[in-house]
N, C-alpha and C. Protein backbone atom coordinates (compact mmCIF):
# COMPACT_ATOMS: atom_id res chain seq x y z
N UNK A 1 0.12 -14.41 22.63
CA UNK A 1 0.60 -15.51 20.85
C UNK A 1 -0.37 -15.07 19.66
N UNK A 2 -0.83 -14.62 18.63
CA UNK A 2 -1.30 -15.12 18.44
C UNK A 2 -1.46 -16.72 17.30
N UNK A 3 -2.13 -17.51 17.21
CA UNK A 3 -1.39 -18.23 16.40
C UNK A 3 -1.55 -18.55 15.11
N UNK A 4 -1.34 -19.67 14.30
CA UNK A 4 -0.70 -18.56 12.73
C UNK A 4 -1.96 -18.91 12.21
N UNK A 5 -2.85 -19.10 12.41
CA UNK A 5 -4.34 -18.75 11.47
C UNK A 5 -4.37 -17.46 11.39
N UNK A 6 -4.34 -17.00 12.65
CA UNK A 6 -4.78 -15.84 12.64
C UNK A 6 -3.46 -14.57 12.25
N UNK A 7 -1.79 -14.82 12.28
CA UNK A 7 -1.21 -14.49 11.63
C UNK A 7 -1.02 -14.55 10.49
N UNK A 8 -1.30 -14.61 10.14
CA UNK A 8 -1.40 -15.20 8.11
C UNK A 8 -2.66 -14.33 8.21
N UNK A 9 -3.95 -14.10 8.70
CA UNK A 9 -4.69 -13.84 8.43
C UNK A 9 -4.91 -11.58 8.41
N UNK A 10 -4.04 -12.01 9.04
CA UNK A 10 -3.58 -10.35 9.47
C UNK A 10 -2.41 -10.09 8.28
N UNK A 11 -1.14 -10.85 7.90
CA UNK A 11 -0.30 -10.57 6.63
C UNK A 11 -1.05 -10.65 5.12
N UNK A 12 -2.51 -12.11 5.24
CA UNK A 12 -2.95 -11.53 4.72
C UNK A 12 -3.34 -9.97 3.50
N UNK A 13 -4.25 -9.45 5.33
CA UNK A 13 -5.04 -8.11 4.88
C UNK A 13 -3.03 -7.26 4.59
N UNK A 14 -2.92 -7.40 4.85
CA UNK A 14 -1.06 -6.29 4.96
C UNK A 14 -1.12 -6.63 2.59
N UNK A 15 -0.83 -8.02 2.54
CA UNK A 15 -0.87 -7.98 1.62
C UNK A 15 -2.00 -7.79 0.34
N UNK A 16 -2.75 -7.70 0.83
CA UNK A 16 -4.25 -7.17 -0.28
C UNK A 16 -3.76 -6.12 0.18
N UNK A 17 -3.37 -4.83 1.08
CA UNK A 17 -3.39 -3.25 0.88
C UNK A 17 -2.37 -3.00 0.03
N UNK A 18 -0.85 -3.57 -0.07
CA UNK A 18 0.09 -3.32 0.03
C UNK A 18 0.09 -4.39 -1.88
N UNK A 19 -1.31 -4.74 -2.49
CA UNK A 19 -1.40 -5.17 -3.75
C UNK A 19 -1.91 -4.24 -4.41
N UNK A 20 -3.36 -3.58 -4.27
CA UNK A 20 -3.97 -3.00 -3.85
C UNK A 20 -2.83 -1.07 -4.23
N UNK A 21 -2.17 -0.90 -3.18
CA UNK A 21 -1.34 0.22 -3.58
C UNK A 21 -0.56 -0.25 -4.91
N UNK A 22 -0.10 -1.05 -5.23
CA UNK A 22 0.52 -1.07 -6.02
C UNK A 22 0.00 -1.08 -7.57
N UNK A 23 -0.92 -1.88 -7.64
CA UNK A 23 -2.14 -1.07 -8.39
C UNK A 23 -2.43 0.36 -7.95
N UNK A 24 -2.78 0.59 -7.27
CA UNK A 24 -2.91 2.53 -7.35
C UNK A 24 -2.23 2.55 -7.64
N UNK A 25 -0.81 2.82 -7.73
CA UNK A 25 0.13 3.79 -8.32
C UNK A 25 0.95 3.55 -9.41
N UNK A 26 0.61 2.34 -10.22
CA UNK A 26 0.89 1.76 -11.19
C UNK A 26 -0.19 3.03 -12.68
N UNK A 27 -1.30 3.11 -11.66
CA UNK A 27 -2.35 4.12 -12.47
C UNK A 27 -1.82 5.17 -12.27
N UNK A 28 -1.76 5.65 -11.38
CA UNK A 28 -1.18 6.81 -11.41
C UNK A 28 -0.57 6.96 -12.20
N UNK A 29 0.54 6.19 -12.67
CA UNK A 29 1.80 7.24 -13.34
C UNK A 29 0.97 7.47 -14.52
N UNK A 30 -0.02 6.90 -14.86
CA UNK A 30 -1.34 7.45 -15.77
C UNK A 30 -1.55 9.01 -16.28
N UNK A 31 -1.32 8.72 -14.78
CA UNK A 31 -2.85 10.41 -14.58
C UNK A 31 -1.86 11.57 -14.75
N UNK A 32 -0.96 10.98 -15.41
CA UNK A 32 1.00 12.42 -14.65
C UNK A 32 1.69 12.48 -15.76
N UNK A 33 1.66 13.85 -16.24
CA UNK A 33 3.29 14.07 -17.34
C UNK A 33 4.68 14.50 -17.05
N UNK A 34 4.35 14.05 -15.64
CA UNK A 34 5.53 14.90 -15.25
C UNK A 34 6.83 13.78 -14.88
N UNK A 35 7.57 13.45 -15.18
CA UNK A 35 8.47 12.21 -15.30
C UNK A 35 9.16 12.10 -14.06
N UNK A 36 9.32 13.19 -12.85
CA UNK A 36 9.74 12.66 -11.03
C UNK A 36 9.27 12.18 -10.95
N UNK A 37 6.87 12.44 -10.91
CA UNK A 37 6.20 12.46 -10.27
C UNK A 37 6.27 10.66 -11.28
N UNK A 38 6.15 10.16 -12.50
CA UNK A 38 5.78 9.30 -12.80
C UNK A 38 6.84 8.12 -12.27
N UNK A 39 8.14 8.37 -12.49
CA UNK A 39 9.40 7.87 -10.97
C UNK A 39 8.85 7.82 -10.03
N UNK A 40 8.34 8.40 -9.22
CA UNK A 40 8.24 7.86 -7.79
C UNK A 40 7.25 7.01 -7.67
N UNK A 41 6.02 7.42 -8.73
CA UNK A 41 5.19 6.52 -8.29
C UNK A 41 5.34 5.32 -8.87
N UNK A 42 6.14 4.89 -9.69
CA UNK A 42 6.53 3.54 -10.16
C UNK A 42 7.69 2.90 -9.62
N UNK A 43 8.37 3.67 -8.56
CA UNK A 43 8.76 3.95 -7.50
C UNK A 43 8.29 2.40 -6.26
N UNK A 44 7.10 3.28 -5.88
CA UNK A 44 6.41 3.30 -4.94
C UNK A 44 5.77 1.87 -5.17
N UNK A 45 5.18 1.75 -6.65
CA UNK A 45 4.27 0.91 -6.97
C UNK A 45 5.15 -0.71 -6.84
N UNK A 46 5.92 -0.42 -7.69
CA UNK A 46 7.39 -1.53 -6.81
C UNK A 46 7.56 -1.98 -5.89
N UNK A 47 7.99 -0.98 -4.58
CA UNK A 47 7.60 -1.10 -3.64
C UNK A 47 6.47 -2.10 -2.66
N UNK A 48 5.29 -1.69 -3.71
CA UNK A 48 4.32 -2.22 -2.51
C UNK A 48 4.00 -4.10 -3.22
N UNK A 49 4.56 -4.01 -4.60
CA UNK A 49 5.22 -5.52 -4.71
C UNK A 49 6.20 -6.17 -4.35
N UNK A 50 7.45 -5.02 -4.02
CA UNK A 50 8.66 -6.07 -3.01
C UNK A 50 7.51 -6.59 -1.79
N UNK A 51 7.73 -5.57 -1.57
CA UNK A 51 6.14 -6.30 -0.32
C UNK A 51 5.36 -6.93 -0.02
N UNK A 52 4.52 -6.85 -0.67
CA UNK A 52 3.36 -7.45 -1.12
C UNK A 52 3.91 -9.54 -1.28
N UNK A 53 5.29 -9.56 -1.51
CA UNK A 53 5.73 -10.43 -2.12
C UNK A 53 6.62 -11.18 -1.12
N UNK A 54 7.22 -10.20 0.30
CA UNK A 54 8.26 -10.44 1.27
C UNK A 54 6.81 -11.33 2.55
N UNK A 55 5.94 -11.17 2.52
CA UNK A 55 4.57 -11.60 3.01
C UNK A 55 3.77 -12.64 2.53
N UNK A 56 4.09 -12.70 1.64
CA UNK A 56 3.32 -14.00 1.38
C UNK A 56 4.51 -14.95 1.70
N UNK A 57 5.31 -14.83 1.27
CA UNK A 57 6.88 -15.78 2.32
C UNK A 57 6.62 -15.99 3.26
N UNK A 58 6.46 -15.13 4.07
CA UNK A 58 6.08 -15.23 5.91
C UNK A 58 5.11 -16.14 5.97
N UNK A 59 3.49 -15.72 5.25
CA UNK A 59 2.43 -16.47 5.09
C UNK A 59 2.21 -18.37 4.71
N UNK A 60 3.30 -18.19 3.67
CA UNK A 60 3.97 -19.54 3.27
C UNK A 60 4.68 -20.52 4.13
N UNK A 61 4.74 -18.86 5.13
CA UNK A 61 6.54 -19.85 5.75
C UNK A 61 5.59 -20.38 7.07
N UNK A 62 4.43 -20.29 7.27
CA UNK A 62 3.29 -20.34 8.28
C UNK A 62 2.84 -21.89 8.44
N UNK A 63 2.53 -22.11 6.58
CA UNK A 63 1.69 -23.45 6.34
C UNK A 63 0.91 -22.92 6.05
N UNK A 64 0.33 -21.39 5.94
CA UNK A 64 -1.10 -21.72 5.27
C UNK A 64 -1.20 -20.90 3.49
N UNK A 65 -2.10 -20.28 3.41
CA UNK A 65 -2.40 -19.85 1.97
C UNK A 65 -2.52 -18.44 1.86
N UNK A 66 -1.23 -17.86 0.45
CA UNK A 66 -0.87 -16.92 1.41
C UNK A 66 -2.27 -16.00 -0.05
N UNK A 67 -2.50 -14.40 0.29
CA UNK A 67 -2.94 -13.73 -1.54
C UNK A 67 -2.16 -13.80 -1.66
N UNK A 68 -3.18 -13.33 -3.05
CA UNK A 68 -1.55 -12.97 -3.95
C UNK A 68 -2.61 -11.41 -5.08
N UNK A 69 -3.66 -11.41 -4.89
CA UNK A 69 -3.91 -9.87 -5.13
C UNK A 69 -4.90 -9.34 -3.85
N UNK A 70 -5.03 -8.07 -4.49
CA UNK A 70 -6.23 -6.85 -3.48
C UNK A 70 -7.54 -7.60 -4.63
N UNK A 71 -8.38 -7.03 -4.33
CA UNK A 71 -9.27 -7.07 -5.00
C UNK A 71 -10.32 -6.10 -4.84
N UNK A 72 -11.23 -5.76 -5.96
CA UNK A 72 -11.94 -4.51 -5.98
C UNK A 72 -12.79 -4.41 -4.91
N UNK A 73 -13.30 -5.10 -3.50
CA UNK A 73 -13.95 -4.05 -2.89
C UNK A 73 -12.97 -4.04 -1.70
N UNK A 74 -12.13 -4.62 -1.88
CA UNK A 74 -10.61 -3.90 -0.77
C UNK A 74 -9.90 -2.90 -1.17
N UNK A 75 -9.89 -2.82 -2.74
CA UNK A 75 -9.57 -1.98 -3.19
C UNK A 75 -10.47 0.08 -2.92
N UNK A 76 -11.77 -0.15 -2.83
CA UNK A 76 -12.65 0.32 -2.96
C UNK A 76 -12.70 0.72 -1.26
N UNK A 77 -12.59 -0.32 -0.68
CA UNK A 77 -12.01 0.00 1.03
C UNK A 77 -10.76 0.94 1.05
N UNK A 78 -10.01 0.97 0.69
CA UNK A 78 -8.83 0.91 1.25
C UNK A 78 -8.13 2.30 -0.11
N UNK A 79 -9.11 2.45 -0.40
CA UNK A 79 -9.17 4.17 -0.56
C UNK A 79 -8.15 4.21 -2.61
N UNK A 80 -8.52 3.39 -3.05
CA UNK A 80 -7.63 3.17 -4.31
C UNK A 80 -8.57 3.21 -5.42
N UNK A 81 -10.20 3.45 -5.28
CA UNK A 81 -10.66 3.29 -6.21
C UNK A 81 -10.96 5.04 -6.80
N UNK A 82 -10.75 5.98 -6.87
CA UNK A 82 -11.45 7.08 -7.19
C UNK A 82 -10.15 7.57 -7.62
N UNK A 83 -8.56 6.81 -7.68
CA UNK A 83 -7.78 7.06 -8.68
C UNK A 83 -8.21 7.50 -9.98
N UNK A 84 -9.48 5.53 -10.31
CA UNK A 84 -9.21 5.65 -12.07
C UNK A 84 -10.10 6.97 -13.16
N UNK A 85 -11.19 7.57 -11.89
CA UNK A 85 -11.05 8.36 -12.46
C UNK A 85 -10.88 10.28 -12.64
N UNK A 86 -9.58 10.04 -11.45
CA UNK A 86 -8.61 11.08 -11.76
C UNK A 86 -7.61 11.50 -12.87
N UNK A 87 -7.29 9.59 -12.88
CA UNK A 87 -6.75 10.02 -14.07
C UNK A 87 -7.05 9.76 -15.67
N UNK A 88 -8.57 9.64 -15.23
CA UNK A 88 -8.69 10.26 -16.83
C UNK A 88 -9.17 11.42 -16.79
N UNK A 89 -9.38 11.91 -15.87
CA UNK A 89 -9.44 13.27 -16.43
C UNK A 89 -7.84 14.04 -16.11
N UNK A 90 -6.84 13.43 -16.12
CA UNK A 90 -5.52 13.72 -16.01
C UNK A 90 -4.67 15.34 -15.29
N UNK A 91 -5.76 15.48 -13.86
CA UNK A 91 -6.09 16.53 -12.89
C UNK A 91 -4.46 15.59 -11.77
N UNK A 92 -3.58 16.44 -12.45
CA UNK A 92 -2.82 15.67 -11.18
C UNK A 92 -3.07 16.37 -10.23
N UNK A 93 -2.82 17.00 -9.80
CA UNK A 93 -3.64 17.38 -8.44
C UNK A 93 -4.69 16.27 -7.52
N UNK A 94 -5.86 16.04 -8.35
CA UNK A 94 -6.62 14.97 -8.41
C UNK A 94 -5.94 13.49 -7.36
N UNK A 95 -5.11 13.15 -8.88
CA UNK A 95 -4.06 11.77 -8.74
C UNK A 95 -3.61 12.22 -7.66
N UNK A 96 -2.60 13.39 -6.99
CA UNK A 96 -2.29 12.92 -6.08
C UNK A 96 -2.98 12.71 -4.95
N UNK A 97 -4.50 13.82 -4.89
CA UNK A 97 -5.14 13.56 -3.79
C UNK A 97 -5.52 12.31 -3.57
N UNK A 98 -5.78 11.04 -4.57
CA UNK A 98 -5.99 10.35 -4.51
C UNK A 98 -4.79 9.23 -3.82
N UNK A 99 -3.84 9.20 -4.02
CA UNK A 99 -2.49 8.70 -3.59
C UNK A 99 -2.64 9.13 -2.76
N UNK A 100 -2.59 9.76 -1.73
CA UNK A 100 -2.84 10.14 -0.52
C UNK A 100 -3.78 9.56 0.02
N UNK A 101 -4.24 9.18 0.18
CA UNK A 101 -5.70 9.15 0.79
C UNK A 101 -6.04 7.41 0.10
N UNK A 102 -4.98 6.76 -0.37
CA UNK A 102 -5.08 5.00 -0.68
C UNK A 102 -3.63 4.89 0.63
N UNK A 103 -2.93 6.15 0.56
CA UNK A 103 -1.28 5.52 1.81
C UNK A 103 -2.19 6.09 3.47
N UNK A 104 -3.33 6.69 3.44
CA UNK A 104 -3.76 6.93 4.67
C UNK A 104 -3.81 5.96 5.40
N UNK A 105 -4.83 4.95 4.31
CA UNK A 105 -5.60 3.57 4.51
C UNK A 105 -4.39 2.39 4.35
N UNK A 106 -3.40 3.15 3.72
CA UNK A 106 -2.00 1.87 4.11
C UNK A 106 -1.57 2.02 5.06
N UNK A 107 -1.32 3.45 6.08
CA UNK A 107 -0.49 3.39 6.90
C UNK A 107 -1.52 2.85 8.27
N UNK A 108 -2.81 3.12 7.97
CA UNK A 108 -3.36 2.60 9.29
C UNK A 108 -3.68 1.08 8.85
N UNK A 109 -3.50 0.18 7.98
CA UNK A 109 -3.88 -1.16 7.55
C UNK A 109 -2.30 -1.72 9.02
N UNK A 110 -1.00 -0.74 8.40
CA UNK A 110 0.45 -1.18 9.24
C UNK A 110 0.36 -0.77 10.55
N UNK A 111 -0.88 0.15 10.55
CA UNK A 111 -0.91 0.33 12.37
C UNK A 111 -1.33 -0.47 13.13
N UNK A 112 -2.47 -0.69 12.35
CA UNK A 112 -3.46 -2.07 13.64
C UNK A 112 -2.86 -3.06 13.84
N UNK A 113 -1.91 -3.62 12.11
CA UNK A 113 -1.09 -5.17 12.05
C UNK A 113 -0.13 -5.34 13.48
N UNK A 114 0.19 -4.04 13.59
CA UNK A 114 1.41 -4.47 15.02
C UNK A 114 1.20 -3.94 15.87
N UNK A 115 -0.50 -3.60 15.81
CA UNK A 115 -0.75 -3.60 17.48
C UNK A 115 -1.55 -5.13 17.83
N UNK A 116 -1.19 -5.74 16.70
CA UNK A 116 -1.57 -7.58 17.46
C UNK A 116 -0.43 -8.14 17.13
N UNK A 117 0.02 -9.32 18.18
CA UNK A 117 0.96 -9.70 18.95
C UNK A 117 1.39 -10.83 17.75
N UNK A 118 2.44 -10.20 17.77
CA UNK A 118 3.79 -10.81 16.33
C UNK A 118 4.76 -11.32 16.85
N UNK A 119 4.79 -12.27 15.88
CA UNK A 119 6.46 -13.24 16.74
C UNK A 119 7.38 -11.83 16.42
N UNK A 120 8.36 -11.89 16.78
CA UNK A 120 9.16 -11.07 16.18
C UNK A 120 10.06 -11.51 15.14
N UNK A 121 10.32 -12.19 14.53
CA UNK A 121 10.49 -11.90 12.62
C UNK A 121 10.12 -11.86 12.36
N UNK A 122 8.55 -11.86 12.15
CA UNK A 122 7.47 -11.14 11.56
C UNK A 122 7.38 -9.50 11.63
N UNK A 123 7.44 -9.86 13.47
CA UNK A 123 6.91 -7.97 13.73
C UNK A 123 8.51 -7.53 12.88
N UNK A 124 9.35 -8.16 12.85
CA UNK A 124 10.48 -7.26 12.52
C UNK A 124 10.90 -6.51 11.16
N UNK A 125 9.47 -7.59 9.83
CA UNK A 125 9.67 -7.28 8.76
C UNK A 125 8.22 -6.68 8.44
N UNK A 126 7.59 -5.95 9.49
CA UNK A 126 5.82 -5.47 9.49
C UNK A 126 6.76 -4.33 10.02
N UNK A 127 7.72 -3.86 10.46
CA UNK A 127 7.71 -2.37 11.43
C UNK A 127 8.55 -1.72 10.15
N UNK A 128 9.96 -3.10 9.29
CA UNK A 128 10.08 -2.14 8.12
C UNK A 128 9.75 -2.28 7.10
N UNK A 129 8.75 -2.57 6.70
CA UNK A 129 7.62 -1.97 5.73
C UNK A 129 7.03 -0.81 5.77
N UNK A 130 6.00 -0.79 7.71
CA UNK A 130 5.70 0.37 7.73
C UNK A 130 6.82 1.27 7.62
N UNK A 131 7.80 1.35 7.35
CA UNK A 131 8.37 2.44 7.79
C UNK A 131 9.16 3.48 7.14
N UNK A 132 8.50 2.42 5.54
CA UNK A 132 8.42 2.42 3.93
C UNK A 132 7.30 3.44 3.69
N UNK A 133 6.39 2.13 4.29
CA UNK A 133 4.84 2.97 4.21
C UNK A 133 4.81 4.61 4.44
N UNK A 134 5.56 4.74 5.78
CA UNK A 134 5.49 5.85 6.37
C UNK A 134 6.42 6.73 5.60
N UNK A 135 7.17 6.81 5.27
CA UNK A 135 7.58 7.52 4.00
C UNK A 135 6.99 8.57 2.87
N UNK A 136 6.80 6.90 2.51
CA UNK A 136 6.23 7.29 1.72
C UNK A 136 4.73 7.69 1.36
N UNK A 137 4.05 7.91 1.87
CA UNK A 137 2.69 9.01 2.77
C UNK A 137 3.40 10.55 2.97
N UNK A 138 4.38 10.41 3.37
CA UNK A 138 4.90 11.47 4.01
C UNK A 138 5.26 12.35 2.86
N UNK A 139 5.54 11.58 1.66
CA UNK A 139 6.20 12.31 0.91
C UNK A 139 4.86 12.74 -0.49
N UNK A 140 4.07 11.72 -0.20
CA UNK A 140 3.25 12.19 -1.54
C UNK A 140 2.08 12.75 -0.69
N UNK A 141 1.28 12.71 1.42
CA UNK A 141 0.68 13.99 1.83
C UNK A 141 1.95 15.52 1.81
N UNK A 142 3.36 15.34 1.14
CA UNK A 142 3.94 16.88 0.58
C UNK A 142 3.62 17.17 -1.02
N UNK A 143 3.74 16.15 -1.79
CA UNK A 143 3.00 16.58 -2.40
C UNK A 143 1.66 17.10 -3.61
N UNK A 144 0.10 16.27 -2.56
CA UNK A 144 -0.76 16.57 -1.94
C UNK A 144 -0.48 18.54 -2.15
N UNK A 145 -0.22 18.36 -0.82
CA UNK A 145 -0.08 19.80 -0.60
C UNK A 145 0.67 21.17 -1.64
N UNK A 146 1.65 20.35 -2.18
CA UNK A 146 2.42 21.57 -3.29
C UNK A 146 1.09 21.40 -4.50
N UNK A 147 0.71 20.25 -4.61
CA UNK A 147 -0.39 20.73 -6.27
C UNK A 147 -1.55 21.36 -5.75
N UNK A 148 -1.51 21.75 -4.24
CA UNK A 148 -2.94 22.56 -3.93
C UNK A 148 -2.51 24.18 -3.54
N UNK A 149 -1.39 24.18 -3.90
CA UNK A 149 -0.88 25.21 -4.27
C UNK A 149 -1.41 26.60 -5.25
């Protein structure tokens, strides 16, 4: 079993991923005119904010310092930086494609976290969130295929 600092580090990585996704989806809203897409991206942005808050509480419960935001370097690494360029061009296909790329990274981050030895209560939270990330990823992937057709 990982010690508290290792567990906090794993969770803090997920917090950054969630905050980057929250910001990325919020930015994606600006790049689309379709009300349904705006609602979907707003919903996913809110979801990631809720996930981050839940993870922060777990880190605090371990007696460690929780991340409070994503970072520019992390956003670049996690696949969300190019969304700003897609949004300024108002290219819906590009916005959806960048959102899908960000979701690929989120999916991988959760998969990596679940490969670690986490306490049962924390593992259950991460698994539940991972299921939500997978659902969002699959929905955005379907949208990407539709917008490229």
